[in-house]
Amino acid sequence: MASLTIGSAIPTHVALFHATRLEDARASKPRRRRGMMSVRTAAAGSAENGWAPSSWRARLARQIPEYPDVAMLEEAERALASFPPLVFAGEARKLEERLGEVAMGRAFLLQGSDCAENFKEFGANNIRDTFRLMLQMAVVLTFGGQMPTIKVLLTTIAHSHGFV
C-alpha cells in the first residue's frame, strides 16, 4: 500500500522555497536547505546555474555510493546521456509556478510516495495503482476545497535512494 503525505503547504523536507507572491518566487535567488538544491535552482537551466551532466560531482553528497570502477561509472554516464530526460524543462517550470500558487494559498498540494515499498514490488502496476489513487484523492480534494490540487508523486527510486 502506498504511503501518502497530504498538506496545504510545501513540506519542509522538500527543498523548496516559500514565497508570499508568485513574482517574489520568480525573482528570488536559489536557496539551499540541508544540502539539497531548490526547485528554482534545479529548474533554472545551465545558463543560470552552471548545470551540466557532471555537475553533481561538485555538489555536497549526503547519500551517494562509492564508485570503485571508474570505467564502469563512465560507461553508465554515457548510456544515461543517450536517453531523453526524465522530466522536461517546461514541466519543471510549470511545477514551479503551480507550487508558487500553493505557497500563496490558491492551490492545495497532494504529495504521494511509495517510499515504504521495495524494488520487488516496484513495477508498472504499482505505479498505475498509486497514480490512480492520487487522481481519485485529487478529485475529492478539489471538489471539497474548491481550489486546484497539485499532485506530486515521488517514486521508490527517487525517495528511497536519496534523490528527495
N, C-alpha and C. Protein backbone atom coordinates (compact mmCIF):
# COMPACT_ATOMS: atom_id res chain seq x y z
N MET A 1 0.86 -1.19 0.00
CA MET A 1 0.00 0.00 0.00
C MET A 1 0.89 1.24 0.00
N ALA A 2 0.55 2.21 -0.71
CA ALA A 2 1.34 3.44 -0.80
C ALA A 2 1.11 4.30 0.43
N SER A 3 2.18 4.91 0.90
CA SER A 3 2.02 5.87 2.00
C SER A 3 1.89 7.25 1.38
N LEU A 4 1.02 8.06 1.93
CA LEU A 4 0.75 9.37 1.34
C LEU A 4 0.95 10.47 2.37
N THR A 5 1.45 11.58 1.90
CA THR A 5 1.58 12.76 2.72
C THR A 5 0.71 13.83 2.09
N ILE A 6 -0.20 14.40 2.86
CA ILE A 6 -1.08 15.42 2.33
C ILE A 6 -0.86 16.68 3.14
N GLY A 7 -0.73 17.82 2.48
CA GLY A 7 -0.55 19.07 3.20
C GLY A 7 -1.02 20.24 2.39
N SER A 8 -1.33 21.33 3.07
CA SER A 8 -1.79 22.52 2.37
C SER A 8 -0.63 23.47 2.10
N ALA A 9 0.55 23.07 2.50
CA ALA A 9 1.74 23.88 2.24
C ALA A 9 2.84 22.94 1.77
N ILE A 10 3.91 23.50 1.30
CA ILE A 10 5.01 22.70 0.81
C ILE A 10 5.69 22.03 1.99
N PRO A 11 5.91 20.70 1.95
CA PRO A 11 6.55 20.01 3.07
C PRO A 11 7.95 20.55 3.31
N THR A 12 8.35 20.61 4.59
CA THR A 12 9.66 21.16 4.90
C THR A 12 10.79 20.24 4.47
N HIS A 13 10.53 18.94 4.33
CA HIS A 13 11.60 18.04 3.94
C HIS A 13 11.94 18.14 2.46
N VAL A 14 11.14 18.80 1.69
CA VAL A 14 11.45 19.04 0.28
C VAL A 14 12.07 20.42 0.19
N ALA A 15 13.21 20.51 -0.48
CA ALA A 15 13.94 21.78 -0.52
C ALA A 15 13.31 22.72 -1.53
N LEU A 16 12.22 23.30 -1.16
CA LEU A 16 11.53 24.27 -2.00
C LEU A 16 11.50 25.60 -1.26
N PHE A 17 11.41 26.67 -1.99
CA PHE A 17 11.31 27.96 -1.35
C PHE A 17 9.85 28.32 -1.15
N HIS A 18 9.59 29.15 -0.16
CA HIS A 18 8.24 29.60 0.13
C HIS A 18 8.21 31.09 -0.15
N ALA A 19 7.30 31.53 -0.98
CA ALA A 19 7.23 32.94 -1.34
C ALA A 19 5.85 33.48 -1.04
N THR A 20 5.79 34.75 -0.72
CA THR A 20 4.50 35.36 -0.44
C THR A 20 3.76 35.72 -1.72
N ARG A 21 4.48 35.92 -2.81
CA ARG A 21 3.87 36.22 -4.10
C ARG A 21 4.58 35.44 -5.19
N LEU A 22 3.86 35.13 -6.24
CA LEU A 22 4.46 34.41 -7.35
C LEU A 22 5.60 35.22 -7.96
N GLU A 23 5.44 36.54 -8.02
CA GLU A 23 6.51 37.38 -8.56
C GLU A 23 7.76 37.28 -7.70
N ASP A 24 7.57 37.23 -6.37
CA ASP A 24 8.72 37.08 -5.48
C ASP A 24 9.40 35.74 -5.72
N ALA A 25 8.59 34.71 -5.97
CA ALA A 25 9.15 33.38 -6.20
C ALA A 25 10.02 33.37 -7.45
N ARG A 26 9.56 34.03 -8.49
CA ARG A 26 10.34 34.06 -9.73
C ARG A 26 11.60 34.89 -9.58
N ALA A 27 11.54 35.93 -8.78
CA ALA A 27 12.68 36.83 -8.63
C ALA A 27 13.65 36.37 -7.55
N SER A 28 13.23 35.46 -6.68
CA SER A 28 14.08 35.09 -5.56
C SER A 28 15.31 34.32 -6.03
N LYS A 29 16.38 34.47 -5.28
CA LYS A 29 17.59 33.74 -5.58
C LYS A 29 17.45 32.32 -5.06
N PRO A 30 18.14 31.36 -5.68
CA PRO A 30 18.08 29.99 -5.20
C PRO A 30 18.58 29.90 -3.76
N ARG A 31 17.87 29.10 -2.97
CA ARG A 31 18.27 28.88 -1.58
C ARG A 31 18.50 27.39 -1.38
N ARG A 32 19.35 27.06 -0.44
CA ARG A 32 19.61 25.67 -0.12
C ARG A 32 19.20 25.38 1.30
N ARG A 33 18.69 24.19 1.49
CA ARG A 33 18.38 23.69 2.83
C ARG A 33 18.91 22.28 2.93
N ARG A 34 19.59 21.97 3.98
CA ARG A 34 20.05 20.62 4.26
C ARG A 34 20.82 20.01 3.08
N GLY A 35 21.57 20.83 2.37
CA GLY A 35 22.42 20.32 1.31
C GLY A 35 21.72 19.95 0.02
N MET A 36 20.43 20.29 -0.13
CA MET A 36 19.71 19.94 -1.35
C MET A 36 19.48 21.19 -2.18
N MET A 37 19.31 20.99 -3.49
CA MET A 37 19.04 22.12 -4.36
C MET A 37 17.57 22.48 -4.32
N SER A 38 17.26 23.74 -4.43
CA SER A 38 15.87 24.16 -4.50
C SER A 38 15.33 23.88 -5.89
N VAL A 39 14.01 23.86 -6.01
CA VAL A 39 13.39 23.66 -7.32
C VAL A 39 13.82 24.77 -8.26
N ARG A 40 13.92 26.00 -7.75
CA ARG A 40 14.34 27.13 -8.58
C ARG A 40 15.71 26.84 -9.18
N THR A 41 16.65 26.35 -8.38
CA THR A 41 17.98 26.05 -8.87
C THR A 41 17.94 24.90 -9.87
N ALA A 42 17.21 23.85 -9.54
CA ALA A 42 17.19 22.67 -10.40
C ALA A 42 16.53 22.96 -11.74
N ALA A 43 15.53 23.80 -11.75
CA ALA A 43 14.77 24.05 -12.98
C ALA A 43 15.32 25.20 -13.80
N ALA A 44 16.25 25.96 -13.25
CA ALA A 44 16.67 27.20 -13.88
C ALA A 44 17.42 27.00 -15.19
N GLY A 45 18.18 25.93 -15.32
CA GLY A 45 18.88 25.69 -16.57
C GLY A 45 20.35 26.03 -16.48
N SER A 46 21.09 25.62 -17.49
CA SER A 46 22.53 25.73 -17.45
C SER A 46 23.04 27.17 -17.48
N ALA A 47 22.36 28.06 -18.17
CA ALA A 47 22.84 29.44 -18.27
C ALA A 47 22.82 30.13 -16.92
N GLU A 48 21.84 29.80 -16.09
CA GLU A 48 21.68 30.49 -14.81
C GLU A 48 22.53 29.90 -13.70
N ASN A 49 22.70 28.58 -13.66
CA ASN A 49 23.36 27.99 -12.50
C ASN A 49 24.54 27.10 -12.84
N GLY A 50 24.95 27.04 -14.08
CA GLY A 50 26.12 26.26 -14.44
C GLY A 50 25.90 24.76 -14.40
N TRP A 51 24.66 24.30 -14.56
CA TRP A 51 24.39 22.87 -14.53
C TRP A 51 24.98 22.19 -15.75
N ALA A 52 25.49 21.00 -15.52
CA ALA A 52 25.96 20.12 -16.59
C ALA A 52 25.79 18.69 -16.09
N PRO A 53 25.76 17.73 -16.99
CA PRO A 53 25.58 16.35 -16.53
C PRO A 53 26.59 15.91 -15.47
N SER A 54 27.76 16.47 -15.47
CA SER A 54 28.76 16.08 -14.47
C SER A 54 28.81 17.01 -13.26
N SER A 55 27.93 18.02 -13.19
CA SER A 55 27.99 18.99 -12.09
C SER A 55 27.66 18.37 -10.73
N TRP A 56 27.05 17.18 -10.72
CA TRP A 56 26.75 16.52 -9.45
C TRP A 56 28.02 16.24 -8.66
N ARG A 57 29.15 16.11 -9.35
CA ARG A 57 30.41 15.80 -8.66
C ARG A 57 30.86 16.95 -7.75
N ALA A 58 30.44 18.17 -8.06
CA ALA A 58 30.83 19.33 -7.26
C ALA A 58 29.85 19.61 -6.12
N ARG A 59 28.74 18.90 -6.06
CA ARG A 59 27.71 19.12 -5.04
C ARG A 59 28.01 18.31 -3.79
N LEU A 60 27.48 18.78 -2.67
CA LEU A 60 27.57 18.05 -1.42
C LEU A 60 26.70 16.80 -1.53
N ALA A 61 27.28 15.64 -1.35
CA ALA A 61 26.54 14.38 -1.47
C ALA A 61 26.38 13.75 -0.09
N ARG A 62 25.16 13.66 0.37
CA ARG A 62 24.89 13.07 1.67
C ARG A 62 24.66 11.56 1.59
N GLN A 63 24.11 11.11 0.50
CA GLN A 63 23.85 9.68 0.32
C GLN A 63 24.26 9.30 -1.09
N ILE A 64 25.48 8.89 -1.25
CA ILE A 64 25.94 8.50 -2.57
C ILE A 64 26.86 7.31 -2.42
N PRO A 65 26.73 6.33 -3.28
CA PRO A 65 27.59 5.14 -3.18
C PRO A 65 29.00 5.44 -3.65
N GLU A 66 29.91 4.57 -3.25
CA GLU A 66 31.28 4.63 -3.75
C GLU A 66 31.29 4.03 -5.15
N TYR A 67 32.10 4.56 -6.03
CA TYR A 67 32.22 4.05 -7.39
C TYR A 67 33.64 3.53 -7.59
N PRO A 68 33.90 2.28 -7.19
CA PRO A 68 35.27 1.76 -7.28
C PRO A 68 35.73 1.54 -8.72
N ASP A 69 34.82 1.28 -9.64
CA ASP A 69 35.17 1.05 -11.04
C ASP A 69 34.80 2.30 -11.85
N VAL A 70 35.77 3.18 -12.02
CA VAL A 70 35.54 4.45 -12.71
C VAL A 70 35.13 4.22 -14.16
N ALA A 71 35.70 3.23 -14.80
CA ALA A 71 35.36 2.95 -16.20
C ALA A 71 33.89 2.55 -16.33
N MET A 72 33.41 1.75 -15.38
CA MET A 72 32.00 1.33 -15.42
C MET A 72 31.09 2.53 -15.15
N LEU A 73 31.50 3.42 -14.25
CA LEU A 73 30.73 4.63 -13.97
C LEU A 73 30.63 5.48 -15.23
N GLU A 74 31.75 5.68 -15.90
CA GLU A 74 31.75 6.49 -17.13
C GLU A 74 30.90 5.85 -18.22
N GLU A 75 30.92 4.52 -18.31
CA GLU A 75 30.08 3.82 -19.29
C GLU A 75 28.60 4.04 -18.98
N ALA A 76 28.24 3.97 -17.70
CA ALA A 76 26.85 4.21 -17.29
C ALA A 76 26.44 5.65 -17.59
N GLU A 77 27.35 6.60 -17.34
CA GLU A 77 27.05 8.01 -17.63
C GLU A 77 26.82 8.22 -19.12
N ARG A 78 27.62 7.58 -19.97
CA ARG A 78 27.43 7.70 -21.43
C ARG A 78 26.09 7.12 -21.85
N ALA A 79 25.72 5.98 -21.26
CA ALA A 79 24.43 5.36 -21.60
C ALA A 79 23.29 6.27 -21.17
N LEU A 80 23.36 6.82 -19.96
CA LEU A 80 22.31 7.71 -19.48
C LEU A 80 22.22 8.98 -20.33
N ALA A 81 23.36 9.48 -20.79
CA ALA A 81 23.37 10.70 -21.61
C ALA A 81 22.64 10.49 -22.93
N SER A 82 22.54 9.25 -23.38
CA SER A 82 21.87 8.99 -24.66
C SER A 82 20.35 8.91 -24.53
N PHE A 83 19.83 8.84 -23.31
CA PHE A 83 18.39 8.75 -23.09
C PHE A 83 17.75 10.13 -23.01
N PRO A 84 16.46 10.21 -23.33
CA PRO A 84 15.76 11.50 -23.16
C PRO A 84 15.63 11.83 -21.67
N PRO A 85 15.40 13.08 -21.31
CA PRO A 85 15.29 13.45 -19.90
C PRO A 85 14.06 12.82 -19.25
N LEU A 86 14.15 12.56 -17.94
CA LEU A 86 13.01 12.05 -17.19
C LEU A 86 11.93 13.11 -17.05
N VAL A 87 12.37 14.36 -16.88
CA VAL A 87 11.45 15.49 -16.73
C VAL A 87 11.95 16.58 -17.68
N PHE A 88 11.06 17.11 -18.47
CA PHE A 88 11.45 18.16 -19.40
C PHE A 88 11.43 19.52 -18.70
N ALA A 89 12.23 20.46 -19.19
CA ALA A 89 12.37 21.78 -18.57
C ALA A 89 11.02 22.48 -18.44
N GLY A 90 10.18 22.39 -19.44
CA GLY A 90 8.86 23.03 -19.39
C GLY A 90 8.01 22.48 -18.27
N GLU A 91 8.11 21.17 -18.02
CA GLU A 91 7.36 20.56 -16.92
C GLU A 91 7.85 21.08 -15.58
N ALA A 92 9.16 21.23 -15.44
CA ALA A 92 9.72 21.75 -14.19
C ALA A 92 9.28 23.19 -13.96
N ARG A 93 9.29 24.00 -15.02
CA ARG A 93 8.85 25.39 -14.88
C ARG A 93 7.37 25.47 -14.50
N LYS A 94 6.55 24.61 -15.10
CA LYS A 94 5.12 24.61 -14.78
C LYS A 94 4.90 24.19 -13.33
N LEU A 95 5.62 23.18 -12.87
CA LEU A 95 5.50 22.75 -11.47
C LEU A 95 5.93 23.87 -10.53
N GLU A 96 6.99 24.57 -10.89
CA GLU A 96 7.46 25.69 -10.06
C GLU A 96 6.37 26.75 -9.92
N GLU A 97 5.72 27.09 -11.02
CA GLU A 97 4.63 28.08 -10.97
C GLU A 97 3.46 27.58 -10.12
N ARG A 98 3.12 26.31 -10.29
CA ARG A 98 1.99 25.75 -9.55
C ARG A 98 2.30 25.66 -8.06
N LEU A 99 3.55 25.36 -7.69
CA LEU A 99 3.93 25.34 -6.28
C LEU A 99 3.90 26.75 -5.70
N GLY A 100 4.17 27.75 -6.53
CA GLY A 100 4.01 29.14 -6.09
C GLY A 100 2.57 29.43 -5.74
N GLU A 101 1.63 28.88 -6.51
CA GLU A 101 0.21 29.03 -6.20
C GLU A 101 -0.12 28.37 -4.86
N VAL A 102 0.47 27.21 -4.60
CA VAL A 102 0.27 26.53 -3.31
C VAL A 102 0.80 27.41 -2.18
N ALA A 103 1.98 27.97 -2.36
CA ALA A 103 2.58 28.81 -1.33
C ALA A 103 1.73 30.03 -1.02
N MET A 104 0.98 30.50 -2.01
CA MET A 104 0.13 31.67 -1.81
C MET A 104 -1.27 31.29 -1.34
N GLY A 105 -1.53 30.00 -1.16
CA GLY A 105 -2.83 29.56 -0.66
C GLY A 105 -3.91 29.47 -1.72
N ARG A 106 -3.52 29.50 -2.99
CA ARG A 106 -4.51 29.42 -4.07
C ARG A 106 -4.63 28.02 -4.67
N ALA A 107 -3.89 27.08 -4.12
CA ALA A 107 -3.95 25.68 -4.56
C ALA A 107 -3.55 24.80 -3.39
N PHE A 108 -3.85 23.51 -3.51
CA PHE A 108 -3.57 22.54 -2.46
C PHE A 108 -2.56 21.53 -2.99
N LEU A 109 -1.56 21.19 -2.17
CA LEU A 109 -0.53 20.23 -2.58
C LEU A 109 -0.86 18.85 -2.03
N LEU A 110 -0.99 17.89 -2.92
CA LEU A 110 -1.17 16.49 -2.56
C LEU A 110 0.09 15.76 -2.99
N GLN A 111 0.84 15.28 -2.01
CA GLN A 111 2.10 14.61 -2.31
C GLN A 111 1.99 13.16 -1.89
N GLY A 112 2.26 12.25 -2.80
CA GLY A 112 2.19 10.83 -2.50
C GLY A 112 3.52 10.17 -2.78
N SER A 113 3.78 9.09 -2.04
CA SER A 113 5.03 8.39 -2.21
C SER A 113 4.85 6.93 -1.88
N ASP A 114 5.53 6.09 -2.61
CA ASP A 114 5.56 4.67 -2.30
C ASP A 114 6.88 4.33 -1.61
N CYS A 115 7.33 5.21 -0.74
CA CYS A 115 8.66 5.09 -0.14
C CYS A 115 8.84 3.84 0.71
N ALA A 116 7.76 3.23 1.18
CA ALA A 116 7.89 2.03 2.01
C ALA A 116 7.96 0.76 1.17
N GLU A 117 7.79 0.87 -0.12
CA GLU A 117 7.80 -0.30 -0.99
C GLU A 117 9.24 -0.65 -1.37
N ASN A 118 9.48 -1.92 -1.67
CA ASN A 118 10.81 -2.31 -2.11
C ASN A 118 10.81 -2.55 -3.62
N PHE A 119 11.99 -2.79 -4.18
CA PHE A 119 12.09 -2.95 -5.63
C PHE A 119 11.33 -4.17 -6.13
N LYS A 120 11.16 -5.18 -5.30
CA LYS A 120 10.43 -6.38 -5.71
C LYS A 120 8.98 -6.04 -6.05
N GLU A 121 8.41 -5.08 -5.33
CA GLU A 121 7.02 -4.67 -5.55
C GLU A 121 6.91 -3.52 -6.55
N PHE A 122 8.02 -2.99 -6.99
CA PHE A 122 8.04 -1.83 -7.87
C PHE A 122 7.80 -2.29 -9.31
N GLY A 123 6.83 -1.71 -9.97
CA GLY A 123 6.56 -2.07 -11.35
C GLY A 123 5.44 -1.22 -11.92
N ALA A 124 5.09 -1.50 -13.16
CA ALA A 124 4.09 -0.70 -13.86
C ALA A 124 2.74 -0.72 -13.14
N ASN A 125 2.32 -1.89 -12.65
CA ASN A 125 1.03 -1.98 -11.97
C ASN A 125 1.01 -1.16 -10.68
N ASN A 126 2.10 -1.22 -9.94
CA ASN A 126 2.20 -0.46 -8.69
C ASN A 126 2.13 1.04 -8.98
N ILE A 127 2.86 1.49 -9.98
CA ILE A 127 2.85 2.91 -10.34
C ILE A 127 1.45 3.33 -10.78
N ARG A 128 0.83 2.52 -11.64
CA ARG A 128 -0.53 2.82 -12.12
C ARG A 128 -1.52 2.92 -10.97
N ASP A 129 -1.46 1.95 -10.04
CA ASP A 129 -2.41 1.94 -8.92
C ASP A 129 -2.20 3.14 -8.00
N THR A 130 -0.94 3.48 -7.74
CA THR A 130 -0.65 4.64 -6.89
C THR A 130 -1.11 5.92 -7.57
N PHE A 131 -0.86 6.02 -8.87
CA PHE A 131 -1.27 7.21 -9.62
C PHE A 131 -2.80 7.32 -9.64
N ARG A 132 -3.48 6.21 -9.83
CA ARG A 132 -4.95 6.21 -9.82
C ARG A 132 -5.47 6.69 -8.47
N LEU A 133 -4.87 6.20 -7.38
CA LEU A 133 -5.27 6.63 -6.04
C LEU A 133 -5.06 8.13 -5.87
N MET A 134 -3.93 8.63 -6.36
CA MET A 134 -3.66 10.08 -6.28
C MET A 134 -4.72 10.88 -7.04
N LEU A 135 -5.07 10.42 -8.23
CA LEU A 135 -6.08 11.13 -9.02
C LEU A 135 -7.44 11.13 -8.32
N GLN A 136 -7.81 10.01 -7.72
CA GLN A 136 -9.08 9.93 -7.00
C GLN A 136 -9.08 10.88 -5.81
N MET A 137 -7.97 10.91 -5.06
CA MET A 137 -7.87 11.81 -3.92
C MET A 137 -7.93 13.27 -4.37
N ALA A 138 -7.27 13.57 -5.49
CA ALA A 138 -7.25 14.94 -6.00
C ALA A 138 -8.64 15.41 -6.38
N VAL A 139 -9.45 14.53 -6.96
CA VAL A 139 -10.82 14.90 -7.32
C VAL A 139 -11.60 15.28 -6.06
N VAL A 140 -11.48 14.47 -5.02
CA VAL A 140 -12.18 14.75 -3.76
C VAL A 140 -11.69 16.06 -3.15
N LEU A 141 -10.37 16.26 -3.11
CA LEU A 141 -9.80 17.48 -2.52
C LEU A 141 -10.17 18.72 -3.32
N THR A 142 -10.15 18.62 -4.64
CA THR A 142 -10.50 19.77 -5.48
C THR A 142 -11.96 20.15 -5.27
N PHE A 143 -12.83 19.17 -5.24
CA PHE A 143 -14.26 19.43 -5.03
C PHE A 143 -14.49 19.98 -3.62
N GLY A 144 -13.92 19.33 -2.62
CA GLY A 144 -14.14 19.75 -1.23
C GLY A 144 -13.49 21.07 -0.89
N GLY A 145 -12.30 21.30 -1.42
CA GLY A 145 -11.57 22.53 -1.10
C GLY A 145 -11.87 23.69 -2.01
N GLN A 146 -12.57 23.43 -3.10
CA GLN A 146 -12.91 24.46 -4.08
C GLN A 146 -11.67 25.22 -4.56
N MET A 147 -10.59 24.47 -4.76
CA MET A 147 -9.37 25.05 -5.32
C MET A 147 -8.60 23.94 -6.03
N PRO A 148 -7.72 24.31 -6.95
CA PRO A 148 -6.96 23.29 -7.67
C PRO A 148 -6.09 22.47 -6.72
N THR A 149 -5.88 21.22 -7.07
CA THR A 149 -4.99 20.34 -6.31
C THR A 149 -3.79 20.00 -7.17
N ILE A 150 -2.60 20.30 -6.66
CA ILE A 150 -1.36 20.00 -7.36
C ILE A 150 -0.91 18.62 -6.89
N LYS A 151 -0.71 17.71 -7.83
CA LYS A 151 -0.35 16.34 -7.49
C LYS A 151 1.14 16.12 -7.73
N VAL A 152 1.83 15.60 -6.72
CA VAL A 152 3.25 15.26 -6.84
C VAL A 152 3.40 13.82 -6.38
N LEU A 153 3.86 12.95 -7.27
CA LEU A 153 4.07 11.55 -6.94
C LEU A 153 5.56 11.27 -6.97
N LEU A 154 6.09 10.85 -5.83
CA LEU A 154 7.50 10.50 -5.73
C LEU A 154 7.62 8.99 -5.85
N THR A 155 8.62 8.51 -6.58
CA THR A 155 8.74 7.08 -6.80
C THR A 155 9.72 6.44 -5.83
N THR A 156 9.73 5.12 -5.80
CA THR A 156 10.64 4.38 -4.94
C THR A 156 12.08 4.78 -5.20
N ILE A 157 12.47 4.86 -6.45
CA ILE A 157 13.85 5.17 -6.78
C ILE A 157 14.24 6.54 -6.25
N ALA A 158 13.43 7.54 -6.50
CA ALA A 158 13.75 8.90 -6.06
C ALA A 158 13.74 9.02 -4.55
N HIS A 159 12.74 8.46 -3.91
CA HIS A 159 12.56 8.67 -2.48
C HIS A 159 13.48 7.79 -1.64
N SER A 160 13.59 6.52 -1.97
CA SER A 160 14.32 5.58 -1.14
C SER A 160 15.83 5.65 -1.32
N HIS A 161 16.27 6.30 -2.35
CA HIS A 161 17.70 6.29 -2.63
C HIS A 161 18.31 7.69 -2.62
N GLY A 162 17.71 8.58 -1.82
CA GLY A 162 18.34 9.85 -1.53
C GLY A 162 18.19 10.95 -2.55
N PHE A 163 17.32 10.81 -3.55
CA PHE A 163 17.15 11.87 -4.53
C PHE A 163 16.17 12.92 -4.07
N VAL A 164 15.42 12.65 -3.01
CA VAL A 164 14.44 13.60 -2.48
C VAL A 164 14.78 13.88 -1.04
